[in-house]
Amino acid sequence: MCIHLARTYVVDRPDPLSEVLLSLHLLQRRDGVGVFARWRRRMLSRLDEPAHAQLTRAPPHGYSPDLLTPAASALGLEQGLQRLAATLLVNNKLSCTGTGAENHDRHARIRWG
């Protein structure tokens, strides 16, 4: 029996920040050179230093933090970007207030509610 399939649903439109996250993954990968090489060069040349630094938050393989795709983005790109900016601002402020270990629980509460 496939219980997980019963819980599957299809959304009526793509989630804009999920699309951005997947594009960031693709931007950093090395496969698909014939298809994506020109696009990658063009996009990477347009990124400023702060944007380049954000690529570490979305590695091309493995886990990406859920905070990069807040549920608010289901309401549209603008709402999702506002929520993401607020989350990253709080996250960055906490990161600057100590060694990090003492802030771990506060980070978790902010990210996961």
N, C-alpha and C. Protein backbone atom coordinates (compact mmCIF):
# COMPACT_ATOMS: atom_id res chain seq x y z
N MET A 1 0.84 -1.18 0.00
CA MET A 1 0.00 0.00 0.00
C MET A 1 0.89 1.25 0.00
N CYS A 2 0.51 2.24 -0.77
CA CYS A 2 1.31 3.46 -0.90
C CYS A 2 0.61 4.61 -0.19
N ILE A 3 0.85 4.72 1.11
CA ILE A 3 0.20 5.76 1.90
C ILE A 3 0.73 7.14 1.53
N HIS A 4 2.02 7.24 1.24
CA HIS A 4 2.61 8.54 0.91
C HIS A 4 2.00 9.13 -0.35
N LEU A 5 1.68 8.31 -1.31
CA LEU A 5 1.06 8.79 -2.54
C LEU A 5 -0.31 9.41 -2.25
N ALA A 6 -1.02 8.88 -1.29
CA ALA A 6 -2.33 9.41 -0.94
C ALA A 6 -2.22 10.82 -0.35
N ARG A 7 -1.07 11.16 0.20
CA ARG A 7 -0.87 12.48 0.80
C ARG A 7 -0.28 13.48 -0.19
N THR A 8 -0.06 13.07 -1.40
CA THR A 8 0.55 13.92 -2.42
C THR A 8 -0.50 14.82 -3.05
N TYR A 9 -0.13 16.07 -3.28
CA TYR A 9 -1.03 16.99 -3.96
C TYR A 9 -0.22 17.79 -4.97
N VAL A 10 -0.89 18.34 -5.92
CA VAL A 10 -0.26 19.14 -6.97
C VAL A 10 -0.74 20.57 -6.80
N VAL A 11 0.21 21.49 -6.74
CA VAL A 11 -0.14 22.90 -6.59
C VAL A 11 -0.57 23.46 -7.94
N ASP A 12 -1.27 24.58 -7.89
CA ASP A 12 -1.77 25.15 -9.13
C ASP A 12 -0.74 26.03 -9.84
N ARG A 13 0.38 26.36 -9.14
CA ARG A 13 1.44 27.15 -9.77
C ARG A 13 2.76 26.86 -9.04
N PRO A 14 3.87 27.07 -9.69
CA PRO A 14 5.17 26.83 -9.04
C PRO A 14 5.39 27.81 -7.88
N ASP A 15 6.10 27.36 -6.88
CA ASP A 15 6.48 28.23 -5.77
C ASP A 15 7.67 29.06 -6.23
N PRO A 16 7.57 30.39 -6.22
CA PRO A 16 8.63 31.21 -6.80
C PRO A 16 9.99 31.06 -6.11
N LEU A 17 10.01 30.94 -4.78
CA LEU A 17 11.31 30.82 -4.11
C LEU A 17 11.88 29.42 -4.26
N SER A 18 11.04 28.42 -4.41
CA SER A 18 11.56 27.08 -4.73
C SER A 18 12.23 27.09 -6.09
N GLU A 19 11.64 27.81 -7.03
CA GLU A 19 12.24 27.94 -8.36
C GLU A 19 13.58 28.66 -8.29
N VAL A 20 13.67 29.71 -7.46
CA VAL A 20 14.93 30.41 -7.28
C VAL A 20 15.97 29.48 -6.67
N LEU A 21 15.57 28.73 -5.63
CA LEU A 21 16.49 27.80 -4.98
C LEU A 21 17.01 26.74 -5.96
N LEU A 22 16.12 26.19 -6.76
CA LEU A 22 16.55 25.19 -7.75
C LEU A 22 17.47 25.81 -8.79
N SER A 23 17.22 27.06 -9.15
CA SER A 23 18.11 27.76 -10.09
C SER A 23 19.49 27.98 -9.48
N LEU A 24 19.53 28.31 -8.18
CA LEU A 24 20.83 28.46 -7.50
C LEU A 24 21.60 27.15 -7.49
N HIS A 25 20.89 26.04 -7.29
CA HIS A 25 21.54 24.72 -7.35
C HIS A 25 22.13 24.50 -8.74
N LEU A 26 21.32 24.73 -9.75
CA LEU A 26 21.75 24.51 -11.13
C LEU A 26 22.91 25.43 -11.51
N LEU A 27 22.89 26.64 -11.01
CA LEU A 27 23.95 27.61 -11.29
C LEU A 27 25.31 27.11 -10.82
N GLN A 28 25.34 26.35 -9.73
CA GLN A 28 26.60 25.90 -9.14
C GLN A 28 27.05 24.52 -9.62
N ARG A 29 26.19 23.80 -10.30
CA ARG A 29 26.55 22.46 -10.77
C ARG A 29 27.45 22.55 -11.99
N ARG A 30 28.07 21.44 -12.32
CA ARG A 30 28.97 21.41 -13.48
C ARG A 30 28.44 20.51 -14.61
N ASP A 31 27.32 19.85 -14.39
CA ASP A 31 26.79 18.99 -15.44
C ASP A 31 25.95 19.83 -16.41
N GLY A 32 25.60 19.26 -17.52
CA GLY A 32 24.79 19.97 -18.50
C GLY A 32 25.51 21.12 -19.16
N VAL A 33 26.83 20.98 -19.36
CA VAL A 33 27.64 22.07 -19.90
C VAL A 33 27.08 22.56 -21.25
N GLY A 34 26.73 21.65 -22.11
CA GLY A 34 26.24 22.05 -23.43
C GLY A 34 24.97 22.89 -23.37
N VAL A 35 24.17 22.67 -22.36
CA VAL A 35 22.90 23.38 -22.25
C VAL A 35 23.01 24.62 -21.37
N PHE A 36 23.75 24.52 -20.26
CA PHE A 36 23.72 25.57 -19.25
C PHE A 36 24.99 26.42 -19.13
N ALA A 37 26.07 26.08 -19.80
CA ALA A 37 27.34 26.78 -19.61
C ALA A 37 27.22 28.28 -19.88
N ARG A 38 26.61 28.65 -20.98
CA ARG A 38 26.48 30.08 -21.32
C ARG A 38 25.62 30.82 -20.28
N TRP A 39 24.51 30.19 -19.90
CA TRP A 39 23.62 30.79 -18.89
C TRP A 39 24.36 30.96 -17.56
N ARG A 40 25.12 29.93 -17.16
CA ARG A 40 25.87 30.01 -15.90
C ARG A 40 26.88 31.15 -15.93
N ARG A 41 27.64 31.25 -17.01
CA ARG A 41 28.63 32.34 -17.12
C ARG A 41 27.96 33.70 -17.03
N ARG A 42 26.86 33.85 -17.76
CA ARG A 42 26.15 35.13 -17.77
C ARG A 42 25.61 35.47 -16.38
N MET A 43 25.00 34.52 -15.72
CA MET A 43 24.41 34.78 -14.40
C MET A 43 25.48 35.03 -13.34
N LEU A 44 26.54 34.22 -13.35
CA LEU A 44 27.60 34.41 -12.36
C LEU A 44 28.30 35.76 -12.53
N SER A 45 28.41 36.22 -13.76
CA SER A 45 29.05 37.52 -13.98
C SER A 45 28.19 38.68 -13.50
N ARG A 46 26.89 38.45 -13.36
CA ARG A 46 25.97 39.50 -12.92
C ARG A 46 25.82 39.57 -11.40
N LEU A 47 26.28 38.56 -10.69
CA LEU A 47 26.12 38.53 -9.24
C LEU A 47 27.14 39.44 -8.57
N ASP A 48 26.68 40.28 -7.65
CA ASP A 48 27.62 41.09 -6.88
C ASP A 48 28.17 40.25 -5.73
N GLU A 49 29.09 40.79 -4.96
CA GLU A 49 29.75 40.03 -3.90
C GLU A 49 28.77 39.48 -2.85
N PRO A 50 27.82 40.30 -2.35
CA PRO A 50 26.87 39.74 -1.39
C PRO A 50 26.04 38.59 -1.97
N ALA A 51 25.66 38.71 -3.23
CA ALA A 51 24.89 37.63 -3.85
C ALA A 51 25.74 36.37 -4.00
N HIS A 52 27.00 36.54 -4.38
CA HIS A 52 27.90 35.39 -4.47
C HIS A 52 28.02 34.69 -3.13
N ALA A 53 28.11 35.48 -2.05
CA ALA A 53 28.24 34.91 -0.71
C ALA A 53 27.01 34.09 -0.34
N GLN A 54 25.85 34.46 -0.86
CA GLN A 54 24.62 33.72 -0.54
C GLN A 54 24.58 32.34 -1.18
N LEU A 55 25.41 32.09 -2.17
CA LEU A 55 25.42 30.78 -2.81
C LEU A 55 25.76 29.68 -1.81
N THR A 56 26.52 30.01 -0.76
CA THR A 56 26.86 28.99 0.24
C THR A 56 25.64 28.52 1.01
N ARG A 57 24.59 29.32 1.03
CA ARG A 57 23.35 28.91 1.71
C ARG A 57 22.56 27.90 0.89
N ALA A 58 22.89 27.77 -0.38
CA ALA A 58 22.16 26.87 -1.28
C ALA A 58 23.14 26.00 -2.05
N PRO A 59 23.82 25.08 -1.36
CA PRO A 59 24.79 24.24 -2.07
C PRO A 59 24.12 23.39 -3.15
N PRO A 60 24.84 23.07 -4.22
CA PRO A 60 24.23 22.35 -5.33
C PRO A 60 23.87 20.90 -5.03
N HIS A 61 24.41 20.35 -3.96
CA HIS A 61 24.11 18.96 -3.57
C HIS A 61 23.80 18.94 -2.09
N GLY A 62 22.94 18.03 -1.70
CA GLY A 62 22.65 17.89 -0.28
C GLY A 62 21.56 18.83 0.18
N TYR A 63 21.60 19.14 1.46
CA TYR A 63 20.54 19.89 2.12
C TYR A 63 20.66 21.39 1.91
N SER A 64 19.53 22.03 1.71
CA SER A 64 19.44 23.50 1.72
C SER A 64 18.46 23.86 2.82
N PRO A 65 18.76 24.88 3.60
CA PRO A 65 17.88 25.24 4.71
C PRO A 65 16.46 25.57 4.24
N ASP A 66 15.49 25.09 4.99
CA ASP A 66 14.10 25.36 4.66
C ASP A 66 13.76 26.83 4.73
N LEU A 67 14.54 27.61 5.46
CA LEU A 67 14.25 29.03 5.56
C LEU A 67 14.38 29.73 4.21
N LEU A 68 15.02 29.07 3.23
CA LEU A 68 15.16 29.68 1.91
C LEU A 68 13.87 29.61 1.10
N THR A 69 12.93 28.79 1.53
CA THR A 69 11.66 28.67 0.82
C THR A 69 10.50 28.80 1.83
N PRO A 70 10.30 29.99 2.39
CA PRO A 70 9.24 30.15 3.39
C PRO A 70 7.86 29.92 2.80
N ALA A 71 6.95 29.46 3.64
CA ALA A 71 5.59 29.18 3.19
C ALA A 71 4.91 30.43 2.61
N ALA A 72 5.35 31.60 3.05
CA ALA A 72 4.76 32.85 2.55
C ALA A 72 4.93 33.01 1.05
N SER A 73 5.91 32.34 0.46
CA SER A 73 6.11 32.49 -0.98
C SER A 73 4.97 31.88 -1.78
N ALA A 74 4.16 31.04 -1.15
CA ALA A 74 2.98 30.51 -1.84
C ALA A 74 2.00 31.63 -2.16
N LEU A 75 2.12 32.75 -1.44
CA LEU A 75 1.27 33.91 -1.68
C LEU A 75 1.81 34.79 -2.79
N GLY A 76 3.01 34.48 -3.26
CA GLY A 76 3.61 35.26 -4.34
C GLY A 76 5.06 35.58 -4.03
N LEU A 77 5.76 35.98 -5.06
CA LEU A 77 7.19 36.26 -4.94
C LEU A 77 7.47 37.37 -3.94
N GLU A 78 6.73 38.45 -4.00
CA GLU A 78 6.99 39.59 -3.12
C GLU A 78 6.85 39.22 -1.64
N GLN A 79 5.79 38.51 -1.29
CA GLN A 79 5.59 38.10 0.09
C GLN A 79 6.67 37.13 0.54
N GLY A 80 7.05 36.23 -0.35
CA GLY A 80 8.11 35.28 -0.03
C GLY A 80 9.44 35.97 0.19
N LEU A 81 9.77 36.95 -0.65
CA LEU A 81 11.02 37.69 -0.50
C LEU A 81 11.04 38.50 0.78
N GLN A 82 9.90 39.09 1.15
CA GLN A 82 9.82 39.85 2.40
C GLN A 82 10.08 38.93 3.60
N ARG A 83 9.46 37.76 3.59
CA ARG A 83 9.64 36.81 4.69
C ARG A 83 11.08 36.31 4.73
N LEU A 84 11.64 36.01 3.57
CA LEU A 84 13.03 35.54 3.50
C LEU A 84 13.98 36.61 4.02
N ALA A 85 13.79 37.86 3.60
CA ALA A 85 14.66 38.95 4.05
C ALA A 85 14.57 39.11 5.57
N ALA A 86 13.37 39.03 6.12
CA ALA A 86 13.21 39.16 7.58
C ALA A 86 13.89 38.01 8.30
N THR A 87 13.77 36.81 7.78
CA THR A 87 14.40 35.63 8.40
C THR A 87 15.91 35.75 8.36
N LEU A 88 16.46 36.13 7.20
CA LEU A 88 17.91 36.24 7.08
C LEU A 88 18.45 37.37 7.94
N LEU A 89 17.69 38.47 8.07
CA LEU A 89 18.13 39.58 8.91
C LEU A 89 18.24 39.14 10.36
N VAL A 90 17.24 38.45 10.87
CA VAL A 90 17.28 37.96 12.25
C VAL A 90 18.40 36.95 12.41
N ASN A 91 18.54 36.06 11.44
CA ASN A 91 19.58 35.04 11.48
C ASN A 91 20.96 35.67 11.53
N ASN A 92 21.20 36.69 10.70
CA ASN A 92 22.49 37.36 10.66
C ASN A 92 22.76 38.12 11.95
N LYS A 93 21.75 38.75 12.53
CA LYS A 93 21.93 39.46 13.80
C LYS A 93 22.31 38.50 14.91
N LEU A 94 21.66 37.34 14.96
CA LEU A 94 21.99 36.36 15.99
C LEU A 94 23.40 35.82 15.79
N SER A 95 23.80 35.66 14.55
CA SER A 95 25.14 35.13 14.27
C SER A 95 26.22 36.09 14.75
N CYS A 96 25.91 37.36 14.86
CA CYS A 96 26.89 38.37 15.27
C CYS A 96 26.91 38.62 16.77
N THR A 97 26.10 37.89 17.54
CA THR A 97 25.99 38.19 18.96
C THR A 97 26.71 37.20 19.85
N GLY A 98 27.68 36.50 19.35
CA GLY A 98 28.42 35.56 20.18
C GLY A 98 29.14 34.53 19.35
N THR A 99 29.53 33.47 20.00
CA THR A 99 30.30 32.43 19.32
C THR A 99 29.43 31.55 18.46
N GLY A 100 28.14 31.59 18.67
CA GLY A 100 27.24 30.77 17.87
C GLY A 100 26.62 29.66 18.67
N ALA A 101 27.37 29.01 19.54
CA ALA A 101 26.84 27.87 20.29
C ALA A 101 25.68 28.30 21.19
N GLU A 102 25.83 29.43 21.84
CA GLU A 102 24.77 29.86 22.75
C GLU A 102 23.52 30.33 22.00
N ASN A 103 23.65 30.59 20.71
CA ASN A 103 22.51 31.05 19.92
C ASN A 103 21.80 29.92 19.19
N HIS A 104 22.31 28.71 19.27
CA HIS A 104 21.76 27.61 18.49
C HIS A 104 20.26 27.43 18.75
N ASP A 105 19.84 27.41 20.01
CA ASP A 105 18.43 27.21 20.32
C ASP A 105 17.58 28.36 19.80
N ARG A 106 18.08 29.59 19.90
CA ARG A 106 17.32 30.73 19.39
C ARG A 106 17.19 30.66 17.88
N HIS A 107 18.24 30.23 17.18
CA HIS A 107 18.16 30.06 15.72
C HIS A 107 17.08 29.06 15.37
N ALA A 108 17.07 27.94 16.05
CA ALA A 108 16.09 26.89 15.77
C ALA A 108 14.68 27.39 15.99
N ARG A 109 14.43 28.15 17.06
CA ARG A 109 13.09 28.66 17.32
C ARG A 109 12.67 29.65 16.25
N ILE A 110 13.57 30.47 15.78
CA ILE A 110 13.21 31.45 14.74
C ILE A 110 12.92 30.73 13.43
N ARG A 111 13.75 29.77 13.07
CA ARG A 111 13.55 29.08 11.80
C ARG A 111 12.31 28.21 11.80
N TRP A 112 12.09 27.50 12.89
CA TRP A 112 11.04 26.49 12.88
C TRP A 112 9.82 26.90 13.70
N GLY A 113 9.80 28.12 14.20
CA GLY A 113 8.63 28.58 14.92
C GLY A 113 8.80 28.35 16.35
